[in-house]
Amino acid sequence: MRVQIIPDGGQASPVWAGRAPSGPAASSLGWRPYVELGASSPGALRLPDARATATGMYGPRGVCLHDGGVIVADTGNHRVLIFRSVPDSPEAPADVILGQPDATSEAPNAGGRPEIGMRMPTGVLVTTDGRLVVADAWNHRLLVWDGVPDSPRPADLILGQASPDAIDENRGGEPDATTFYWPFGIAEIAGRFFVTDTGNRRVLIWRAGLPASAQVPADVVLGQPDAVSRDENRGTGTGPDTFRWPHAVARFGDGIFVADAGNHRLLGWRAIPEQDRPADVVVGQPDMVTADDFPYRPQSATSMRFPYAVTNVGAGIAVADTANNRVLLWESPPTGPDAGADGVLGQVTFSGNGENRWEAVTSDTLCWPYGIACDGSRLAIADSGNNRVVIWAQP
């Protein structure tokens, strides 16, 4: 693991090898990287070694900041790493590893033991009452611990499956309001519990919070006409009430934003839906029925390509604009397609979209950022393609 502390007053400088980016420089709104967790690059754009260790990561897709520490969904190594505090030494290992029998194992489901293992975990969350929830996406379930574990142990509760060794999508049958197919994202907002049930192209909402058992159905199925349908965009095309790959949920005033990654947009509801209904706001597309993707073209402050995560940052939001290799920042929530981002991380201009800016891996570049989290003073980015988590701060 590399942990890089940028000295006080220092600023990570973009590396352009003599080639200036097109367009005016964009603001980072004062955010700058100060800690890198995971693996260092061996040089230029070469990927680092991804072998499992107590410090290394392989394609992390989720991160949570909690009680001064960091919890990482180390997705490619099929495990969760718990750091009780932010490490300040390159030799500092994770305090707890969940999902594997030891620090060097990396097989899915702990080599055939789904009762203790994981397969492609993504979302991680600590609820307001202190429970750790992990979206064990490719096992189509959520794992719940009654608190953040001090040592490795199996989950106290499993949602989405009937037993600890069951791993089939939708429990091996048709979907209902208790089953999952690739549950990538989880959130807790205004006392409600949300799951972005990505493979079923819907968002599930429990009004009373995290359900107490796998038999408790969601109160709201958002994005489908009923609990048994799972067609992409409802089978009718992109619209204000459809999803292709819903991936994350964040607060939007009294309502919610959903990162609809496959349609390259955010959908916003001004009040938390009490039933399936169309969104009130779209961001990232010119209207509610467009789902255009413009690969390898200059981007803008209003465009997105596969936005896999959204989180609240103060009064505003941050969006992991994954395929554009950047994080977009709004100081107040965007309220329509013309509301451009106020700042950007990972790129120098709003038109840039290259992996590590096509030049070199540095502390302020990004390659396929998937998960983001903010605790007010810190912004953590799961920089998946660089096999690391980078924590940013404002002076």
Protein backbone atom coordinates (compact mmCIF):
# COMPACT_ATOMS: atom_id res chain seq x y z
CA MET A 1 0.00 0.00 0.00
CA ARG A 2 1.12 3.52 -0.69
CA VAL A 3 0.05 6.30 1.62
CA GLN A 4 1.06 9.69 0.30
CA ILE A 5 0.65 12.76 2.46
CA ILE A 6 0.75 15.99 0.48
CA PRO A 7 2.57 18.54 2.70
CA ASP A 8 0.61 21.44 4.14
CA GLY A 9 0.27 24.13 1.53
CA GLY A 10 1.23 21.71 -1.23
CA GLN A 11 -0.89 20.99 -4.25
CA ALA A 12 -0.79 17.89 -6.41
CA SER A 13 0.16 19.04 -9.91
CA PRO A 14 -1.26 17.47 -13.05
CA VAL A 15 1.26 15.77 -15.30
CA TRP A 16 0.81 16.64 -18.96
CA ALA A 17 4.26 15.90 -20.41
CA GLY A 18 4.33 19.22 -22.16
CA ARG A 19 0.86 18.88 -23.69
CA ALA A 20 -1.59 21.48 -22.41
CA PRO A 21 -5.23 20.44 -21.92
CA SER A 22 -7.77 22.09 -24.18
CA GLY A 23 -10.14 24.64 -22.67
CA PRO A 24 -9.85 26.74 -19.54
CA ALA A 25 -8.81 25.07 -16.30
CA ALA A 26 -11.68 23.93 -14.08
CA SER A 27 -11.87 24.42 -10.33
CA SER A 28 -11.39 21.62 -7.80
CA LEU A 29 -13.32 23.78 -5.27
CA GLY A 30 -10.33 23.50 -2.97
CA TRP A 31 -10.32 19.69 -2.73
CA ARG A 32 -6.91 18.08 -2.92
CA PRO A 33 -5.67 14.50 -2.37
CA TYR A 34 -3.84 13.81 0.85
CA VAL A 35 -3.92 10.02 1.37
CA GLU A 36 -3.71 7.11 -1.07
CA LEU A 37 -4.65 3.62 0.13
CA GLY A 38 -3.83 0.60 -1.97
CA ALA A 39 -1.17 0.03 -4.57
CA SER A 40 1.28 2.45 -6.15
CA SER A 41 1.87 2.59 -9.88
CA PRO A 42 5.15 1.09 -11.10
CA GLY A 43 5.48 4.06 -13.44
CA ALA A 44 3.67 6.00 -16.16
CA LEU A 45 0.37 4.31 -17.02
CA ARG A 46 1.32 0.74 -16.09
CA LEU A 47 -1.07 -0.91 -13.65
CA PRO A 48 0.28 -1.92 -10.24
CA ASP A 49 0.55 -5.46 -8.96
CA ALA A 50 -2.91 -6.58 -7.86
CA ARG A 51 -1.97 -9.54 -5.67
CA ALA A 52 -3.99 -9.72 -2.48
CA THR A 53 -2.18 -8.54 0.64
CA ALA A 54 -3.26 -6.92 3.89
CA THR A 55 -2.67 -3.55 2.26
CA GLY A 56 -3.28 -3.94 -1.49
CA MET A 57 -6.52 -3.65 -3.44
CA TYR A 58 -7.79 -4.87 -6.78
CA GLY A 59 -10.50 -2.80 -8.45
CA PRO A 60 -12.19 -1.38 -5.33
CA ARG A 61 -15.71 -0.20 -6.15
CA GLY A 62 -17.09 1.00 -2.83
CA VAL A 63 -15.92 3.06 0.12
CA CYS A 64 -17.37 4.32 3.39
CA LEU A 65 -15.98 6.86 5.86
CA HIS A 66 -16.95 6.01 9.43
CA ASP A 67 -15.86 7.16 12.87
CA GLY A 68 -12.48 8.41 11.65
CA GLY A 69 -11.76 5.26 9.68
CA VAL A 70 -12.24 3.87 6.18
CA ILE A 71 -14.12 0.77 4.99
CA VAL A 72 -13.38 -0.43 1.46
CA ALA A 73 -15.18 -2.90 -0.79
CA ASP A 74 -12.07 -4.51 -2.33
CA THR A 75 -14.19 -5.84 -5.17
CA GLY A 76 -11.66 -7.74 -7.28
CA ASN A 77 -10.32 -9.53 -4.21
CA HIS A 78 -13.87 -10.40 -3.07
CA ARG A 79 -13.48 -8.93 0.40
CA VAL A 80 -14.01 -5.88 2.61
CA LEU A 81 -11.11 -4.07 4.29
CA ILE A 82 -11.70 -2.18 7.54
CA PHE A 83 -9.22 0.50 8.62
CA ARG A 84 -10.18 1.80 12.07
CA SER A 85 -8.30 5.00 11.31
CA VAL A 86 -6.82 6.48 8.16
CA PRO A 87 -3.35 4.88 7.83
CA ASP A 88 -0.34 7.16 8.00
CA SER A 89 2.28 4.56 7.12
CA PRO A 90 2.84 2.51 3.94
CA GLU A 91 3.15 -0.59 6.14
CA ALA A 92 -0.19 -0.15 7.94
CA PRO A 93 -2.44 -3.14 7.11
CA ALA A 94 -6.19 -3.28 7.32
CA ASP A 95 -7.35 -3.96 10.87
CA VAL A 96 -10.05 -6.43 9.79
CA ILE A 97 -10.59 -8.40 6.57
CA LEU A 98 -14.05 -9.78 5.87
CA GLY A 99 -14.83 -12.34 3.18
CA GLN A 100 -11.52 -14.19 3.01
CA PRO A 101 -9.82 -16.64 5.40
CA ASP A 102 -6.57 -14.67 5.37
CA ALA A 103 -4.88 -11.59 3.92
CA THR A 104 -3.56 -13.24 0.75
CA SER A 105 -6.61 -15.21 -0.41
CA GLU A 106 -8.60 -13.72 -3.28
CA ALA A 107 -10.96 -16.43 -4.61
CA PRO A 108 -14.66 -15.68 -5.00
CA ASN A 109 -16.71 -16.89 -2.05
CA ALA A 110 -13.55 -17.77 -0.11
CA GLY A 111 -12.86 -20.63 -2.48
CA GLY A 112 -16.35 -22.15 -2.44
CA ARG A 113 -17.61 -21.09 1.00
CA PRO A 114 -20.29 -18.43 0.42
CA GLU A 115 -21.36 -18.67 4.06
CA ILE A 116 -18.17 -16.75 4.94
CA GLY A 117 -17.15 -15.36 1.54
CA MET A 118 -18.22 -12.72 -0.96
CA ARG A 119 -18.33 -12.30 -4.71
CA MET A 120 -17.76 -8.84 -6.14
CA PRO A 121 -18.86 -6.73 -3.15
CA THR A 122 -19.62 -3.13 -4.09
CA GLY A 123 -21.61 -0.85 -1.79
CA VAL A 124 -20.60 -0.45 1.86
CA LEU A 125 -22.57 1.46 4.49
CA VAL A 126 -22.64 1.98 8.23
CA THR A 127 -26.21 2.75 9.30
CA THR A 128 -27.13 5.43 11.82
CA ASP A 129 -27.47 2.73 14.49
CA GLY A 130 -23.97 1.39 13.73
CA ARG A 131 -24.66 -1.69 11.62
CA LEU A 132 -22.33 -2.54 8.72
CA VAL A 133 -24.09 -3.40 5.46
CA VAL A 134 -22.23 -4.82 2.44
CA ALA A 135 -23.80 -5.18 -1.01
CA ASP A 136 -22.47 -8.62 -1.99
CA ALA A 137 -23.50 -7.92 -5.55
CA TRP A 138 -22.72 -11.06 -7.49
CA ASN A 139 -24.15 -13.25 -4.74
CA HIS A 140 -27.35 -11.19 -5.09
CA ARG A 141 -27.60 -10.42 -1.40
CA LEU A 142 -26.83 -7.95 1.37
CA LEU A 143 -24.67 -8.93 4.33
CA VAL A 144 -25.40 -7.20 7.63
CA TRP A 145 -23.29 -7.12 10.80
CA ASP A 146 -24.80 -5.80 14.05
CA GLY A 147 -21.79 -3.50 14.37
CA VAL A 148 -18.53 -2.86 12.54
CA PRO A 149 -16.64 -6.09 13.32
CA ASP A 150 -13.46 -6.01 15.40
CA SER A 151 -12.42 -9.37 13.94
CA PRO A 152 -13.41 -11.55 10.97
CA ARG A 153 -16.77 -13.27 11.39
CA PRO A 154 -19.81 -14.16 9.28
CA ALA A 155 -22.64 -11.70 8.85
CA ASP A 156 -25.40 -11.62 11.46
CA LEU A 157 -28.13 -11.20 8.84
CA ILE A 158 -28.44 -11.98 5.13
CA LEU A 159 -31.01 -10.22 2.98
CA GLY A 160 -32.05 -11.42 -0.47
CA GLN A 161 -31.30 -15.11 0.04
CA ALA A 162 -32.94 -17.88 2.05
CA SER A 163 -29.73 -19.34 3.50
CA PRO A 164 -26.03 -18.44 3.95
CA ASP A 165 -24.96 -20.72 1.07
CA ALA A 166 -27.62 -19.58 -1.44
CA ILE A 167 -26.26 -17.29 -4.17
CA ASP A 168 -28.68 -17.43 -7.15
CA GLU A 169 -30.11 -14.24 -8.62
CA ASN A 170 -33.68 -13.59 -7.46
CA ARG A 171 -33.37 -16.71 -5.29
CA GLY A 172 -33.34 -18.84 -8.45
CA GLY A 173 -36.76 -17.68 -9.63
CA GLU A 174 -38.66 -14.60 -10.70
CA PRO A 175 -38.10 -11.32 -8.86
CA ASP A 176 -40.30 -10.14 -6.03
CA ALA A 177 -40.04 -7.34 -3.47
CA THR A 178 -37.55 -9.33 -1.34
CA THR A 179 -35.08 -10.53 -3.98
CA PHE A 180 -32.06 -9.00 -5.71
CA TYR A 181 -30.16 -9.29 -8.98
CA TRP A 182 -26.83 -7.47 -8.70
CA PRO A 183 -27.62 -5.12 -5.78
CA PHE A 184 -24.77 -2.68 -6.37
CA GLY A 185 -25.77 0.31 -4.23
CA ILE A 186 -27.18 0.89 -0.74
CA ALA A 187 -28.17 4.05 1.12
CA GLU A 188 -29.96 5.27 4.22
CA ILE A 189 -31.82 8.58 3.82
CA ALA A 190 -34.46 10.15 6.08
CA GLY A 191 -34.95 6.91 7.99
CA ARG A 192 -35.54 4.90 4.83
CA PHE A 193 -33.34 2.16 3.39
CA PHE A 194 -32.59 2.04 -0.35
CA VAL A 195 -31.14 -0.67 -2.59
CA THR A 196 -30.25 -0.08 -6.23
CA ASP A 197 -31.22 -3.51 -7.54
CA THR A 198 -29.25 -3.04 -10.71
CA GLY A 199 -29.91 -6.31 -12.55
CA ASN A 200 -33.64 -5.94 -11.95
CA ARG A 201 -33.45 -2.30 -13.17
CA ARG A 202 -35.17 -0.86 -10.11
CA VAL A 203 -34.70 0.82 -6.75
CA LEU A 204 -36.21 -0.78 -3.67
CA ILE A 205 -37.28 1.37 -0.70
CA TRP A 206 -38.07 0.22 2.85
CA ARG A 207 -39.84 3.04 4.72
CA ALA A 208 -38.91 1.73 8.18
CA GLY A 209 -35.22 1.41 7.40
CA LEU A 210 -33.05 -1.68 7.04
CA PRO A 211 -35.38 -4.71 7.06
CA ALA A 212 -35.15 -7.08 10.00
CA SER A 213 -35.30 -10.23 7.89
CA ALA A 214 -35.10 -11.50 4.33
CA GLN A 215 -38.87 -11.99 4.33
CA VAL A 216 -39.72 -8.28 4.73
CA PRO A 217 -40.71 -6.91 1.28
CA ALA A 218 -39.80 -3.45 0.06
CA ASP A 219 -42.58 -0.90 0.42
CA VAL A 220 -41.78 0.81 -2.89
CA VAL A 221 -40.51 -0.59 -6.18
CA LEU A 222 -39.23 2.35 -8.23
CA GLY A 223 -38.53 1.97 -11.95
CA GLN A 224 -40.78 -1.01 -12.69
CA PRO A 225 -44.59 -1.32 -12.96
CA ASP A 226 -44.64 -4.10 -10.33
CA ALA A 227 -42.37 -6.28 -8.20
CA VAL A 228 -42.03 -9.08 -10.77
CA SER A 229 -40.93 -7.06 -13.83
CA ARG A 230 -37.26 -6.51 -14.66
CA ASP A 231 -37.07 -5.23 -18.26
CA GLU A 232 -34.40 -2.67 -19.08
CA ASN A 233 -36.10 0.74 -19.32
CA ARG A 234 -39.41 -1.08 -18.71
CA GLY A 235 -39.09 -2.57 -22.20
CA THR A 236 -40.46 0.65 -23.67
CA GLY A 237 -37.38 2.88 -23.97
CA THR A 238 -35.71 5.54 -21.87
CA GLY A 239 -38.12 7.72 -19.94
CA PRO A 240 -38.61 9.65 -16.69
CA ASP A 241 -39.65 6.47 -14.83
CA THR A 242 -37.12 3.97 -16.23
CA PHE A 243 -33.65 2.70 -15.40
CA ARG A 244 -31.03 0.86 -17.33
CA TRP A 245 -28.41 0.36 -14.59
CA PRO A 246 -29.40 2.18 -11.41
CA HIS A 247 -26.30 2.16 -9.25
CA ALA A 248 -26.43 4.61 -6.33
CA VAL A 249 -28.77 6.87 -4.33
CA ALA A 250 -28.14 10.21 -2.57
CA ARG A 251 -30.24 12.86 -0.89
CA PHE A 252 -31.75 15.62 -3.07
CA GLY A 253 -33.30 18.16 -0.71
CA ASP A 254 -36.34 16.33 0.64
CA GLY A 255 -36.04 13.74 -2.12
CA ILE A 256 -33.44 11.57 -3.81
CA PHE A 257 -31.06 11.39 -6.75
CA VAL A 258 -30.48 8.02 -8.45
CA ALA A 259 -27.37 7.48 -10.55
CA ASP A 260 -28.82 5.75 -13.63
CA ALA A 261 -25.43 4.71 -14.98
CA GLY A 262 -26.53 2.85 -18.08
CA ASN A 263 -28.56 5.84 -19.30
CA HIS A 264 -25.68 8.24 -18.49
CA ARG A 265 -27.72 10.45 -16.19
CA LEU A 266 -29.04 11.28 -12.76
CA LEU A 267 -32.75 11.17 -12.09
CA GLY A 268 -34.08 13.30 -9.25
CA TRP A 269 -37.30 13.12 -7.22
CA ARG A 270 -38.08 16.25 -5.18
CA ALA A 271 -39.80 14.12 -2.55
CA ILE A 272 -38.97 10.53 -1.66
CA PRO A 273 -41.37 8.44 -3.76
CA GLU A 274 -44.14 6.66 -1.88
CA GLN A 275 -44.93 4.68 -5.01
CA ASP A 276 -43.50 4.19 -8.48
CA ARG A 277 -43.69 7.48 -10.36
CA PRO A 278 -41.72 9.57 -12.90
CA ALA A 279 -38.72 11.61 -11.84
CA ASP A 280 -38.93 15.39 -11.58
CA VAL A 281 -35.39 16.23 -12.70
CA VAL A 282 -32.79 14.85 -15.10
CA VAL A 283 -29.09 15.74 -15.10
CA GLY A 284 -26.55 14.59 -17.67
CA GLN A 285 -28.98 14.37 -20.60
CA PRO A 286 -30.90 17.14 -22.40
CA ASP A 287 -34.28 15.55 -21.59
CA MET A 288 -35.94 12.56 -19.95
CA VAL A 289 -36.01 10.36 -23.07
CA THR A 290 -32.39 10.72 -24.24
CA ALA A 291 -29.65 8.27 -23.29
CA ASP A 292 -26.82 9.33 -25.60
CA ASP A 293 -23.26 8.19 -24.99
CA PHE A 294 -20.38 9.98 -26.74
CA PRO A 295 -17.24 7.94 -26.09
CA TYR A 296 -13.83 9.51 -26.50
CA ARG A 297 -15.19 12.95 -27.35
CA PRO A 298 -14.58 16.10 -25.34
CA GLN A 299 -16.98 16.31 -22.44
CA SER A 300 -18.57 19.27 -20.65
CA ALA A 301 -19.76 20.35 -17.22
CA THR A 302 -23.21 18.93 -18.02
CA SER A 303 -22.37 15.57 -19.63
CA MET A 304 -21.83 12.13 -18.08
CA ARG A 305 -20.67 8.68 -19.17
CA PHE A 306 -21.66 5.83 -16.86
CA PRO A 307 -22.09 7.78 -13.61
CA TYR A 308 -21.83 4.91 -11.13
CA ALA A 309 -21.98 6.85 -7.87
CA VAL A 310 -23.49 9.95 -6.32
CA THR A 311 -23.05 11.25 -2.77
CA ASN A 312 -23.83 14.35 -0.77
CA VAL A 313 -21.04 16.84 -0.15
CA GLY A 314 -22.19 19.60 2.19
CA ALA A 315 -25.14 21.32 0.54
CA GLY A 316 -24.20 19.90 -2.85
CA ILE A 317 -23.38 16.58 -4.49
CA ALA A 318 -20.48 14.71 -6.05
CA VAL A 319 -20.89 12.31 -8.98
CA ALA A 320 -18.41 9.63 -10.00
CA ASP A 321 -18.52 10.18 -13.77
CA THR A 322 -16.82 6.84 -14.18
CA ALA A 323 -16.09 6.48 -17.90
CA ASN A 324 -14.95 10.10 -18.08
CA ASN A 325 -12.43 9.35 -15.32
CA ARG A 326 -13.51 12.25 -13.15
CA VAL A 327 -15.68 13.32 -10.23
CA LEU A 328 -18.07 16.21 -10.85
CA LEU A 329 -18.90 18.59 -7.99
CA TRP A 330 -21.97 20.78 -7.52
CA GLU A 331 -22.02 23.26 -4.62
CA SER A 332 -25.82 23.05 -4.62
CA PRO A 333 -27.96 20.27 -6.10
CA PRO A 334 -28.43 20.57 -9.88
CA THR A 335 -32.05 21.08 -10.83
CA GLY A 336 -31.97 20.35 -14.55
CA PRO A 337 -29.88 19.43 -17.58
CA ASP A 338 -28.40 22.93 -17.92
CA ALA A 339 -27.02 23.04 -14.38
CA GLY A 340 -23.34 22.45 -15.04
CA ALA A 341 -20.93 21.20 -12.39
CA ASP A 342 -19.04 23.82 -10.40
CA GLY A 343 -15.87 21.77 -10.09
CA VAL A 344 -14.12 18.62 -11.24
CA LEU A 345 -11.56 16.21 -9.77
CA GLY A 346 -9.33 13.97 -11.86
CA GLN A 347 -9.28 16.22 -14.93
CA VAL A 348 -7.89 19.70 -15.49
CA THR A 349 -10.75 20.92 -17.69
CA PHE A 350 -14.38 19.92 -18.12
CA SER A 351 -13.53 18.70 -21.62
CA GLY A 352 -10.93 16.15 -20.45
CA ASN A 353 -11.91 12.51 -20.10
CA GLY A 354 -8.72 10.41 -20.37
CA GLU A 355 -7.75 7.63 -18.01
CA ASN A 356 -5.17 9.27 -15.73
CA ARG A 357 -5.37 12.16 -18.22
CA TRP A 358 -3.61 9.82 -20.74
CA GLU A 359 -0.25 10.69 -19.18
CA ALA A 360 0.66 9.17 -15.81
CA VAL A 361 -0.79 7.97 -12.52
CA THR A 362 -0.47 10.77 -9.97
CA SER A 363 -2.25 11.46 -6.73
CA ASP A 364 -4.86 13.65 -8.45
CA THR A 365 -5.64 11.50 -11.49
CA LEU A 366 -8.44 8.95 -11.77
CA CYS A 367 -9.08 5.78 -13.74
CA TRP A 368 -12.66 4.52 -13.60
CA PRO A 369 -13.75 5.92 -10.24
CA TYR A 370 -16.70 3.85 -9.01
CA GLY A 371 -17.55 4.62 -5.39
CA ILE A 372 -17.46 7.90 -3.49
CA ALA A 373 -18.24 8.91 0.08
CA CYS A 374 -18.05 12.13 2.08
CA ASP A 375 -18.16 12.75 5.83
CA GLY A 376 -18.10 16.53 5.52
CA SER A 377 -14.38 17.16 5.79
CA ARG A 378 -13.14 14.25 3.69
CA LEU A 379 -14.08 12.90 0.27
CA ALA A 380 -13.08 9.31 -0.46
CA ILE A 381 -12.91 8.03 -4.04
CA ALA A 382 -12.69 4.34 -4.93
CA ASP A 383 -10.31 4.77 -7.87
CA SER A 384 -11.02 1.33 -9.26
CA GLY A 385 -8.79 1.27 -12.34
CA ASN A 386 -5.79 2.40 -10.26
CA ASN A 387 -6.43 -0.24 -7.56
CA ARG A 388 -6.63 2.33 -4.79
CA VAL A 389 -8.78 4.60 -2.67
CA VAL A 390 -7.79 8.27 -2.59
CA ILE A 391 -8.99 10.51 0.20
CA TRP A 392 -9.31 14.20 -0.56
CA ALA A 393 -9.70 17.13 1.81
CA GLN A 394 -10.29 20.88 1.70
CA PRO A 395 -7.91 23.24 3.53
